[in-house]
Amino acid sequence: MTRQTTEQPESSRLRILKAAAQIAAERGYEGTTISRICERSGLPVSSVYWFYKDKDDLLAEVVLHSFTEWLADQPAWLSTPGVPLGESLRAILTRSVRSLPAAPEFLRIGHMLSMERRETEPAGRVLFLQVRERVRADLARWFTESLDPAVVSSHPDLPDHLAMLIIVLTDGLFLADQMADIWDPDVFVDIIVVIVEKAVAVASS
């Protein structure tokens, strides 16, 4: 099989990714099979193996593709001198938190893989943890730039701790939204901001 004989390769690849994401969400890692992906996408097995060496490679690409799409629609974590920390944080988080009910595949599949322990770690799980680390580093950098330098100097771990707090809380919001219709993004963002402001106030005292 060659690229010349592959009809609309990018369209086929996206159909495969969409089918794999849907099946993984419905059936989990074990229930996601190449045959089911082919049936759902309407493409032959040869098309799947043209793009991906195996199911593990495919699910890793689902995580990466979903994260890339989600990230492109997120506000940049840029410090805003002169603007109170809580106000800046609220402005950024409001947009990010509103995107969680859409259930980005990288979160859904990443959490699923993270809770499963296997002798050979799935590539998708490894990639998801790398994605989380990237987000943590971006958040920690933002807090380092946004907090009073004296506070950071006296509490050098504070930016990292606040970054992990944001990730843990938004993880919880995502999982809660999948289980029950309790979503009010403005309320949850306010709660997150209050917690962060309190933590900073304690560190500053």
Protein backbone atom coordinates (compact mmCIF):
# COMPACT_ATOMS: atom_id res chain seq x y z
CA MET A 1 0.00 0.00 0.00
CA THR A 2 1.39 3.43 -0.94
CA ARG A 3 0.36 6.97 -0.26
CA GLN A 4 -0.69 7.23 -3.91
CA THR A 5 -3.21 4.42 -3.43
CA THR A 6 -4.45 5.74 -0.09
CA GLU A 7 -7.56 7.85 -0.64
CA GLN A 8 -7.42 11.16 1.25
CA PRO A 9 -4.86 10.00 3.85
CA GLU A 10 -5.39 12.85 6.31
CA SER A 11 -9.15 12.39 6.26
CA SER A 12 -8.70 8.65 6.85
CA ARG A 13 -6.28 9.26 9.72
CA LEU A 14 -8.74 11.58 11.44
CA ARG A 15 -11.56 9.06 11.00
CA ILE A 16 -9.39 6.42 12.64
CA LEU A 17 -8.51 8.73 15.54
CA LYS A 18 -12.16 9.64 16.08
CA ALA A 19 -13.27 6.01 16.03
CA ALA A 20 -10.50 4.95 18.42
CA ALA A 21 -11.37 7.75 20.86
CA GLN A 22 -15.06 6.82 20.86
CA ILE A 23 -14.43 3.12 21.41
CA ALA A 24 -11.85 3.73 24.14
CA ALA A 25 -14.36 5.93 25.97
CA GLU A 26 -17.04 3.23 25.67
CA ARG A 27 -15.04 0.04 26.24
CA GLY A 28 -11.76 0.95 27.88
CA TYR A 29 -8.27 -0.05 26.81
CA GLU A 30 -8.87 -3.79 26.53
CA GLY A 31 -12.12 -3.35 24.65
CA THR A 32 -10.51 -1.08 22.08
CA THR A 33 -9.53 -3.36 19.23
CA ILE A 34 -8.33 -2.75 15.72
CA SER A 35 -11.33 -4.64 14.33
CA ARG A 36 -13.78 -2.41 16.22
CA ILE A 37 -11.91 0.70 15.11
CA CYS A 38 -12.12 -0.45 11.50
CA GLU A 39 -15.82 -1.19 11.82
CA ARG A 40 -16.55 2.19 13.39
CA SER A 41 -14.39 4.18 10.97
CA GLY A 42 -15.45 2.23 7.90
CA LEU A 43 -11.83 1.76 6.88
CA PRO A 44 -9.88 -1.46 6.25
CA VAL A 45 -7.28 -2.88 8.62
CA SER A 46 -4.58 -1.93 6.13
CA SER A 47 -5.46 1.74 6.58
CA VAL A 48 -4.98 1.55 10.35
CA TYR A 49 -1.61 -0.16 10.04
CA TRP A 50 -0.57 2.29 7.35
CA PHE A 51 -0.64 5.04 9.98
CA TYR A 52 0.00 3.17 13.26
CA LYS A 53 2.08 0.16 14.19
CA ASP A 54 -0.41 -1.10 16.81
CA LYS A 55 -3.29 -0.14 19.10
CA ASP A 56 -0.93 1.30 21.69
CA ASP A 57 0.63 3.63 19.13
CA LEU A 58 -2.83 4.65 17.92
CA LEU A 59 -4.18 5.54 21.38
CA ALA A 60 -1.05 7.54 22.11
CA GLU A 61 -1.74 9.54 18.96
CA VAL A 62 -5.36 10.07 20.07
CA VAL A 63 -4.06 11.60 23.31
CA LEU A 64 -1.55 13.82 21.50
CA HIS A 65 -4.01 14.93 18.80
CA SER A 66 -6.71 15.78 21.34
CA PHE A 67 -4.29 17.68 23.58
CA THR A 68 -2.92 19.67 20.63
CA GLU A 69 -6.44 20.67 19.55
CA TRP A 70 -7.46 21.56 23.11
CA LEU A 71 -4.29 23.56 23.77
CA ALA A 72 -4.74 25.63 20.61
CA ASP A 73 -8.05 26.91 21.98
CA GLN A 74 -6.72 27.76 25.45
CA PRO A 75 -5.67 31.22 26.65
CA ALA A 76 -1.94 31.75 27.05
CA TRP A 77 -0.60 31.67 30.60
CA LEU A 78 0.99 35.12 30.50
CA SER A 79 1.71 37.22 33.54
CA THR A 80 -0.07 40.58 33.67
CA PRO A 81 1.88 43.12 35.72
CA GLY A 82 -0.28 45.38 37.82
CA VAL A 83 -3.29 43.05 37.74
CA PRO A 84 -4.14 41.24 41.01
CA LEU A 85 -3.25 37.55 41.01
CA GLY A 86 -6.81 36.39 41.61
CA GLU A 87 -8.18 38.51 38.78
CA SER A 88 -5.60 37.22 36.30
CA LEU A 89 -6.13 33.63 37.42
CA ARG A 90 -9.90 33.93 37.14
CA ALA A 91 -9.70 35.33 33.61
CA ILE A 92 -7.54 32.45 32.38
CA LEU A 93 -9.28 29.65 34.27
CA THR A 94 -12.79 30.69 33.23
CA ARG A 95 -12.06 29.87 29.61
CA SER A 96 -10.08 26.70 30.37
CA VAL A 97 -12.62 25.27 32.82
CA ARG A 98 -15.50 25.90 30.40
CA SER A 99 -13.78 23.57 27.91
CA LEU A 100 -13.76 20.58 30.29
CA PRO A 101 -17.40 19.43 29.83
CA ALA A 102 -16.57 18.81 26.17
CA ALA A 103 -14.56 15.87 27.53
CA PRO A 104 -11.34 16.20 25.53
CA GLU A 105 -10.18 12.71 24.58
CA PHE A 106 -6.73 13.27 26.04
CA LEU A 107 -8.29 13.72 29.48
CA ARG A 108 -10.78 10.87 29.18
CA ILE A 109 -8.31 8.33 27.79
CA GLY A 110 -5.40 9.65 29.83
CA HIS A 111 -7.25 9.23 33.12
CA MET A 112 -8.43 5.78 32.08
CA LEU A 113 -4.89 4.64 31.26
CA SER A 114 -3.43 6.29 34.37
CA MET A 115 -5.64 4.21 36.65
CA GLU A 116 -4.65 0.95 34.98
CA ARG A 117 -1.38 -0.73 35.91
CA ARG A 118 0.27 -2.92 33.30
CA GLU A 119 3.53 -4.80 33.07
CA THR A 120 4.28 -2.86 29.89
CA GLU A 121 3.23 0.74 30.30
CA PRO A 122 1.00 1.88 27.41
CA ALA A 123 2.47 4.64 25.27
CA GLY A 124 -0.73 6.62 25.74
CA ARG A 125 -0.25 6.68 29.50
CA VAL A 126 3.37 7.79 29.16
CA LEU A 127 2.32 10.57 26.78
CA PHE A 128 -0.54 11.70 29.04
CA LEU A 129 1.83 12.01 32.00
CA GLN A 130 4.19 14.03 29.82
CA VAL A 131 1.29 16.31 28.86
CA ARG A 132 0.42 16.81 32.52
CA GLU A 133 4.03 17.65 33.29
CA ARG A 134 4.07 20.23 30.52
CA VAL A 135 0.92 21.84 31.89
CA ARG A 136 2.36 21.78 35.43
CA ALA A 137 5.57 23.46 34.26
CA ASP A 138 3.61 26.19 32.43
CA LEU A 139 1.46 26.85 35.49
CA ALA A 140 4.45 26.90 37.84
CA ARG A 141 6.23 29.38 35.56
CA TRP A 142 3.13 31.60 35.52
CA PHE A 143 2.89 31.59 39.31
CA THR A 144 6.62 32.31 39.62
CA GLU A 145 6.23 35.34 37.35
CA SER A 146 2.95 36.53 38.91
CA LEU A 147 3.69 36.18 42.61
CA ASP A 148 5.60 38.69 44.70
CA PRO A 149 9.30 37.82 44.25
CA ALA A 150 9.77 38.02 48.02
CA VAL A 151 7.10 35.34 48.52
CA VAL A 152 8.70 33.09 45.93
CA SER A 153 12.11 33.63 47.51
CA SER A 154 10.86 32.61 50.95
CA HIS A 155 8.65 29.79 49.62
CA PRO A 156 10.39 28.48 46.47
CA ASP A 157 8.09 25.43 46.25
CA LEU A 158 4.92 27.51 46.28
CA PRO A 159 4.60 27.94 42.48
CA ASP A 160 4.91 24.18 41.97
CA HIS A 161 2.43 23.44 44.75
CA LEU A 162 -0.11 25.91 43.35
CA ALA A 163 0.36 24.49 39.85
CA MET A 164 -0.37 20.97 41.10
CA LEU A 165 -3.35 22.28 43.05
CA ILE A 166 -4.87 23.70 39.86
CA ILE A 167 -4.31 20.42 38.02
CA VAL A 168 -5.76 18.29 40.82
CA LEU A 169 -8.85 20.49 41.21
CA THR A 170 -9.58 20.61 37.48
CA ASP A 171 -9.04 16.83 37.27
CA GLY A 172 -11.68 16.45 39.95
CA LEU A 173 -14.06 18.79 38.13
CA PHE A 174 -13.64 16.84 34.91
CA LEU A 175 -14.31 13.49 36.59
CA ALA A 176 -17.27 14.87 38.55
CA ASP A 177 -18.81 16.25 35.37
CA GLN A 178 -18.59 12.80 33.76
CA MET A 179 -20.57 11.29 36.64
CA ALA A 180 -23.21 13.93 37.35
CA ASP A 181 -24.61 17.12 35.89
CA ILE A 182 -23.27 19.51 38.54
CA TRP A 183 -21.47 21.91 36.26
CA ASP A 184 -21.33 25.62 36.99
CA PRO A 185 -17.91 26.75 35.76
CA ASP A 186 -18.11 30.24 37.25
CA VAL A 187 -18.76 28.89 40.73
CA PHE A 188 -15.92 26.39 40.53
CA VAL A 189 -13.49 28.96 39.17
CA ASP A 190 -14.37 31.27 42.07
CA ILE A 191 -13.68 28.46 44.53
CA ILE A 192 -10.31 27.68 42.94
CA VAL A 193 -9.30 31.34 42.99
CA VAL A 194 -10.29 31.72 46.65
CA ILE A 195 -8.20 28.67 47.59
CA VAL A 196 -5.17 29.97 45.69
CA GLU A 197 -5.52 33.47 47.17
CA LYS A 198 -5.74 31.99 50.67
CA ALA A 199 -2.64 29.87 50.14
CA VAL A 200 -0.70 32.90 48.88
CA ALA A 201 -1.91 35.01 51.80
CA VAL A 202 -0.72 32.40 54.30
CA ALA A 203 2.67 32.21 52.58
CA SER A 204 2.93 36.00 52.61
CA SER A 205 2.16 36.39 56.30
